[in-house]
Every structure is written in structure tokens, then in C-alpha cells.
Amino acid sequence: MADRLKDQIVIVTGGTSGMGEAAAKLYAQEGAKVVIADFNPVTAQKVVDKITAAGGVARFSQKMDVSKQEDVGAIVAKTIEEFGRICRKNF
């Protein structure tokens, strides 16, 4: 594990496959705490399990649809509630 993103919190939408999964794993490898946002809780939990097994910190917050503003607002609020903030740093 690296620490370039230590203490950063990120939300990764579509984090259960493809580029989203790769991004979630990379953020975690660099030390970020990762919240997976997706509509499929089963596959999201599999990615969370892979990240935590590798020593990272990851959560699946809730089932969500990024096309629905209320879902996006809810995951942002839940992430801030759990971690205190969301990363605002440009990479």
C-alpha cells in the first residue's frame, strides 16, 4: 500500500467492474478510503472484499442510480456522515 492518497475519501460510481473497479482498487492502493457506488450490491460487496483483503479501506454504502439526484445526494450525505468529508483534491 502506498500513501499518496492517505486520509482522502473518494466515491467511485460504477465501481463494480471495468474502469470503475480498477479506479476503486487503485485509489485504495494509494491509501484512499473508497466508497463504492453502484446499483448492484452483490458485485459491489465483492469489490469491497477484494480491496479490504488487500489491506485497503472500502465500503458499499447503498444501492444507487447515479441518474437520480436524490440517490447521489444520499450517498454523499452518508459518506460524509461516516468519514467526515469527501476528498476535494485534484489528482
N, C-alpha and C. Protein backbone atom coordinates (compact mmCIF):
# COMPACT_ATOMS: atom_id res chain seq x y z
N MET A 1 0.83 -1.19 0.00
CA MET A 1 0.00 0.00 0.00
C MET A 1 0.87 1.25 0.00
N ALA A 2 0.54 2.16 -0.86
CA ALA A 2 1.21 3.45 -0.91
C ALA A 2 0.42 4.43 -0.05
N ASP A 3 0.89 5.63 0.06
CA ASP A 3 0.14 6.58 0.88
C ASP A 3 -0.03 7.95 0.23
N ARG A 4 0.06 8.00 -1.09
CA ARG A 4 -0.12 9.29 -1.77
C ARG A 4 -1.51 9.88 -1.53
N LEU A 5 -2.49 9.01 -1.31
CA LEU A 5 -3.87 9.49 -1.07
C LEU A 5 -4.33 9.20 0.35
N LYS A 6 -3.38 9.01 1.25
CA LYS A 6 -3.70 8.72 2.65
C LYS A 6 -4.65 9.79 3.19
N ASP A 7 -5.66 9.33 3.90
CA ASP A 7 -6.66 10.20 4.54
C ASP A 7 -7.60 10.88 3.55
N GLN A 8 -7.57 10.49 2.29
CA GLN A 8 -8.52 11.02 1.31
C GLN A 8 -9.71 10.06 1.24
N ILE A 9 -10.88 10.59 0.97
CA ILE A 9 -12.08 9.80 0.85
C ILE A 9 -12.64 10.02 -0.54
N VAL A 10 -12.91 8.93 -1.26
CA VAL A 10 -13.43 9.04 -2.61
C VAL A 10 -14.68 8.18 -2.77
N ILE A 11 -15.57 8.64 -3.63
CA ILE A 11 -16.73 7.86 -4.04
C ILE A 11 -16.49 7.46 -5.48
N VAL A 12 -16.59 6.17 -5.77
CA VAL A 12 -16.40 5.68 -7.13
C VAL A 12 -17.74 5.14 -7.63
N THR A 13 -18.30 5.82 -8.62
CA THR A 13 -19.55 5.34 -9.22
C THR A 13 -19.23 4.28 -10.26
N GLY A 14 -20.09 3.28 -10.35
CA GLY A 14 -19.84 2.20 -11.29
C GLY A 14 -18.59 1.43 -10.90
N GLY A 15 -18.34 1.31 -9.61
CA GLY A 15 -17.11 0.72 -9.13
C GLY A 15 -17.10 -0.79 -9.04
N THR A 16 -18.02 -1.45 -9.73
CA THR A 16 -18.10 -2.90 -9.61
C THR A 16 -17.48 -3.66 -10.77
N SER A 17 -17.08 -2.95 -11.81
CA SER A 17 -16.46 -3.65 -12.95
C SER A 17 -15.71 -2.64 -13.81
N GLY A 18 -14.90 -3.17 -14.70
CA GLY A 18 -14.21 -2.34 -15.68
C GLY A 18 -13.38 -1.24 -15.07
N MET A 19 -13.48 -0.07 -15.69
CA MET A 19 -12.68 1.08 -15.26
C MET A 19 -13.03 1.54 -13.85
N GLY A 20 -14.30 1.44 -13.48
CA GLY A 20 -14.70 1.84 -12.13
C GLY A 20 -14.07 0.97 -11.07
N GLU A 21 -14.07 -0.34 -11.30
CA GLU A 21 -13.43 -1.26 -10.35
C GLU A 21 -11.93 -1.00 -10.29
N ALA A 22 -11.31 -0.83 -11.44
CA ALA A 22 -9.87 -0.56 -11.48
C ALA A 22 -9.55 0.73 -10.73
N ALA A 23 -10.36 1.76 -10.92
CA ALA A 23 -10.14 3.04 -10.22
C ALA A 23 -10.28 2.86 -8.72
N ALA A 24 -11.32 2.14 -8.28
CA ALA A 24 -11.54 1.91 -6.85
C ALA A 24 -10.34 1.20 -6.23
N LYS A 25 -9.84 0.18 -6.91
CA LYS A 25 -8.69 -0.56 -6.39
C LYS A 25 -7.44 0.31 -6.35
N LEU A 26 -7.24 1.11 -7.38
CA LEU A 26 -6.07 1.98 -7.43
C LEU A 26 -6.12 3.05 -6.34
N TYR A 27 -7.27 3.67 -6.15
CA TYR A 27 -7.41 4.65 -5.07
C TYR A 27 -7.07 4.01 -3.73
N ALA A 28 -7.60 2.81 -3.51
CA ALA A 28 -7.33 2.11 -2.25
C ALA A 28 -5.86 1.77 -2.11
N GLN A 29 -5.23 1.33 -3.19
CA GLN A 29 -3.80 1.00 -3.15
C GLN A 29 -2.96 2.22 -2.79
N GLU A 30 -3.46 3.38 -3.16
CA GLU A 30 -2.74 4.62 -2.87
C GLU A 30 -3.11 5.20 -1.51
N GLY A 31 -3.96 4.49 -0.76
CA GLY A 31 -4.26 4.89 0.61
C GLY A 31 -5.59 5.56 0.85
N ALA A 32 -6.37 5.79 -0.20
CA ALA A 32 -7.67 6.44 -0.02
C ALA A 32 -8.69 5.47 0.58
N LYS A 33 -9.64 6.02 1.29
CA LYS A 33 -10.80 5.26 1.73
C LYS A 33 -11.82 5.36 0.60
N VAL A 34 -12.34 4.22 0.15
CA VAL A 34 -13.16 4.16 -1.04
C VAL A 34 -14.59 3.77 -0.71
N VAL A 35 -15.53 4.54 -1.24
CA VAL A 35 -16.94 4.20 -1.15
C VAL A 35 -17.38 3.81 -2.55
N ILE A 36 -17.86 2.58 -2.69
CA ILE A 36 -18.32 2.08 -3.98
C ILE A 36 -19.79 2.45 -4.13
N ALA A 37 -20.11 3.10 -5.23
CA ALA A 37 -21.49 3.48 -5.54
C ALA A 37 -21.94 2.70 -6.78
N ASP A 38 -22.98 1.89 -6.63
CA ASP A 38 -23.44 1.09 -7.74
C ASP A 38 -24.86 0.62 -7.47
N PHE A 39 -25.51 0.12 -8.50
CA PHE A 39 -26.87 -0.37 -8.34
C PHE A 39 -26.92 -1.86 -7.99
N ASN A 40 -25.76 -2.54 -8.01
CA ASN A 40 -25.72 -3.97 -7.73
C ASN A 40 -24.93 -4.22 -6.43
N PRO A 41 -25.63 -4.42 -5.32
CA PRO A 41 -24.93 -4.59 -4.05
C PRO A 41 -24.08 -5.85 -3.97
N VAL A 42 -24.44 -6.90 -4.68
CA VAL A 42 -23.67 -8.15 -4.63
C VAL A 42 -22.28 -7.95 -5.24
N THR A 43 -22.23 -7.39 -6.44
CA THR A 43 -20.93 -7.18 -7.08
C THR A 43 -20.15 -6.08 -6.37
N ALA A 44 -20.84 -5.09 -5.82
CA ALA A 44 -20.15 -4.04 -5.06
C ALA A 44 -19.45 -4.64 -3.85
N GLN A 45 -20.13 -5.52 -3.15
CA GLN A 45 -19.52 -6.14 -1.97
C GLN A 45 -18.32 -6.99 -2.34
N LYS A 46 -18.35 -7.61 -3.51
CA LYS A 46 -17.19 -8.40 -3.96
C LYS A 46 -15.97 -7.51 -4.15
N VAL A 47 -16.17 -6.33 -4.72
CA VAL A 47 -15.05 -5.39 -4.90
C VAL A 47 -14.56 -4.89 -3.54
N VAL A 48 -15.49 -4.57 -2.66
CA VAL A 48 -15.12 -4.15 -1.30
C VAL A 48 -14.28 -5.23 -0.64
N ASP A 49 -14.71 -6.48 -0.77
CA ASP A 49 -13.97 -7.59 -0.15
C ASP A 49 -12.56 -7.72 -0.72
N LYS A 50 -12.41 -7.53 -2.04
CA LYS A 50 -11.09 -7.59 -2.66
C LYS A 50 -10.18 -6.48 -2.12
N ILE A 51 -10.74 -5.28 -2.01
CA ILE A 51 -9.96 -4.14 -1.53
C ILE A 51 -9.55 -4.35 -0.08
N THR A 52 -10.47 -4.77 0.76
CA THR A 52 -10.14 -4.95 2.18
C THR A 52 -9.18 -6.13 2.38
N ALA A 53 -9.31 -7.17 1.56
CA ALA A 53 -8.38 -8.31 1.65
C ALA A 53 -6.96 -7.87 1.31
N ALA A 54 -6.83 -6.86 0.47
CA ALA A 54 -5.51 -6.34 0.09
C ALA A 54 -5.01 -5.30 1.08
N GLY A 55 -5.78 -5.04 2.15
CA GLY A 55 -5.35 -4.09 3.17
C GLY A 55 -5.92 -2.70 3.05
N GLY A 56 -6.82 -2.49 2.09
CA GLY A 56 -7.42 -1.17 1.90
C GLY A 56 -8.68 -0.99 2.73
N VAL A 57 -9.23 0.21 2.65
CA VAL A 57 -10.48 0.54 3.33
C VAL A 57 -11.52 0.85 2.27
N ALA A 58 -12.61 0.09 2.28
CA ALA A 58 -13.66 0.29 1.29
C ALA A 58 -15.01 -0.04 1.91
N ARG A 59 -16.04 0.62 1.39
CA ARG A 59 -17.41 0.40 1.84
C ARG A 59 -18.33 0.40 0.64
N PHE A 60 -19.39 -0.38 0.74
CA PHE A 60 -20.52 -0.22 -0.16
C PHE A 60 -21.58 0.44 0.67
N SER A 61 -21.95 1.64 0.30
CA SER A 61 -22.85 2.43 1.12
C SER A 61 -24.30 2.03 0.95
N GLN A 62 -24.75 2.01 -0.28
CA GLN A 62 -26.15 1.72 -0.55
C GLN A 62 -26.34 1.55 -2.04
N LYS A 63 -27.41 0.87 -2.40
CA LYS A 63 -27.77 0.72 -3.81
C LYS A 63 -28.14 2.10 -4.33
N MET A 64 -27.64 2.45 -5.52
CA MET A 64 -27.95 3.78 -6.04
C MET A 64 -27.92 3.82 -7.55
N ASP A 65 -28.59 4.82 -8.08
CA ASP A 65 -28.63 5.10 -9.52
C ASP A 65 -28.10 6.52 -9.70
N VAL A 66 -26.96 6.67 -10.36
CA VAL A 66 -26.35 8.00 -10.50
C VAL A 66 -27.17 8.96 -11.34
N SER A 67 -28.16 8.45 -12.06
CA SER A 67 -29.02 9.34 -12.83
C SER A 67 -30.11 9.98 -11.97
N LYS A 68 -30.20 9.57 -10.71
CA LYS A 68 -31.21 10.13 -9.78
C LYS A 68 -30.52 11.02 -8.76
N GLN A 69 -30.87 12.29 -8.82
CA GLN A 69 -30.23 13.28 -7.95
C GLN A 69 -30.37 12.92 -6.47
N GLU A 70 -31.52 12.39 -6.07
CA GLU A 70 -31.71 12.05 -4.66
C GLU A 70 -30.77 10.91 -4.23
N ASP A 71 -30.48 9.97 -5.14
CA ASP A 71 -29.54 8.89 -4.81
C ASP A 71 -28.13 9.44 -4.64
N VAL A 72 -27.74 10.36 -5.51
CA VAL A 72 -26.40 10.96 -5.42
C VAL A 72 -26.28 11.74 -4.12
N GLY A 73 -27.29 12.54 -3.81
CA GLY A 73 -27.27 13.31 -2.57
C GLY A 73 -27.20 12.41 -1.34
N ALA A 74 -27.90 11.29 -1.40
CA ALA A 74 -27.91 10.37 -0.26
C ALA A 74 -26.55 9.72 -0.04
N ILE A 75 -25.88 9.33 -1.11
CA ILE A 75 -24.57 8.68 -0.91
C ILE A 75 -23.53 9.69 -0.46
N VAL A 76 -23.62 10.91 -0.94
CA VAL A 76 -22.70 11.96 -0.47
C VAL A 76 -22.93 12.20 1.02
N ALA A 77 -24.19 12.33 1.43
CA ALA A 77 -24.50 12.57 2.84
C ALA A 77 -24.04 11.40 3.72
N LYS A 78 -24.27 10.18 3.26
CA LYS A 78 -23.88 9.01 4.04
C LYS A 78 -22.36 8.90 4.15
N THR A 79 -21.65 9.24 3.08
CA THR A 79 -20.19 9.20 3.10
C THR A 79 -19.65 10.24 4.07
N ILE A 80 -20.19 11.44 4.03
CA ILE A 80 -19.76 12.49 4.96
C ILE A 80 -20.08 12.10 6.40
N GLU A 81 -21.24 11.48 6.60
CA GLU A 81 -21.62 11.03 7.95
C GLU A 81 -20.60 10.01 8.48
N GLU A 82 -20.18 9.08 7.63
CA GLU A 82 -19.26 8.03 8.08
C GLU A 82 -17.82 8.51 8.18
N PHE A 83 -17.35 9.28 7.18
CA PHE A 83 -15.94 9.64 7.12
C PHE A 83 -15.65 11.11 7.45
N GLY A 84 -16.68 11.93 7.57
CA GLY A 84 -16.48 13.32 7.94
C GLY A 84 -16.30 14.28 6.79
N ARG A 85 -16.02 13.75 5.60
CA ARG A 85 -15.81 14.61 4.43
C ARG A 85 -15.66 13.73 3.19
N ILE A 86 -15.51 14.39 2.05
CA ILE A 86 -15.17 13.74 0.80
C ILE A 86 -13.96 14.47 0.24
N CYS A 87 -13.09 13.75 -0.39
CA CYS A 87 -11.88 14.34 -0.97
C CYS A 87 -12.25 15.45 -1.95
N ARG A 88 -11.56 16.56 -1.89
CA ARG A 88 -11.76 17.66 -2.83
C ARG A 88 -10.48 17.95 -3.58
N LYS A 89 -9.54 17.02 -3.51
CA LYS A 89 -8.23 17.20 -4.11
C LYS A 89 -8.24 16.75 -5.56
N ASN A 90 -7.62 17.52 -6.44
CA ASN A 90 -7.50 17.10 -7.83
C ASN A 90 -6.32 16.14 -7.96
N PHE A 91 -6.49 15.15 -8.79
CA PHE A 91 -5.43 14.15 -8.98
C PHE A 91 -4.73 14.34 -10.28
